[in-house]
Amino acid sequence: MTPRLPALSISIILGIILLSFAGSLFYHVSPFTFDKTVILQSPDLEHLFGTDRLGRDLLARVILGGQVSLIIGVGSAVIASLIGLLLGVSAGYFKGLLDKSFVVIVDLFLTFPTFFLLLALVSYISASTLILIVVISITGWMGTSRLIRAESYRIANQPFIKVLTIAELSKLKIIFKYFLPLLAPIFFVSFTFGVSGAILAESGLSYLGLGVTPPNMSWGSILSEGKSVMEIAWWVSFFPGLMIFLVTFSLIQISDYLQQITNKKEML
């Protein structure tokens, strides 16, 4: 049975990306303008997402915050996935001392819970978009690398790889021409999970006040600002939280689809 394309999830992701990066072209309201006459105004035709406790338009802030959250999510996932790919392939193909060192390093990183490791790193560094990308990627490569290593072991033991090795074909050529195409499905599945994981990590840090700092904003920081007025102004936390949920849920659906495609190819 052919896996069903998650058209709705793809549409949601594309819609949110469009809203975040092109929304300001159509919605000409500043996310920084204070207006004491509309403090904590509920959603209406003038302010579609309502306003926050300083009278700032929430839709404009969600649009700008989405740019930061998506950049951090994608940037962190790209770096973490590439680190995982590089280390996993190297350990699975070259084996020996390199593989033993890989196991020790991964076990060392996994000794500490990822989120607490994030907290420890961020608490000593002044957070910015670039810093958060680097820190989240440093703490998020282990899962990808372990999957890549296991699959690289399997590929390295295939007869055609052994023939190519005996024929003294360049190791780099073997990796780039034969390993990477076979590892691509796992890489993309890990990448989609990595994006959602990075967005949730950034949101968690920002909610605790350790993420992006004002005047910059992200969905997590906007969500954090709404926790003090949640009982009287639900919309301040609801809309950024909804964006985080929609992106995470959609990416998980897309990841499941890619995983089903990969499993079906392996069965064939």
Foldseek 3Di string as FASTA:
>chain_A
DADDDPVVLVVLVVVLVCCQPPVCVPDVFAQPDFDPVQALPPADPVQNLGAHRRRGRLSNQASQQAVLLQCLLLLLLVLLLVVLLVLLLCCQQVPDPSVVVLVVVLVVLVVDDLLVQLVVVLVVDQADSVVLSVSLSVSQNSVNNVVSNVVSNVVNPDPVNVVCVVVVDDPVCCCVVPVCVLCVLSSVLSSLQSSLVSSVSQLVCLLVVSHHDPPRHHLSVQLNSCPVVCVPRVSSNPVSVVSSVSSNVSSNVNSVSSVVVSVVVVVD
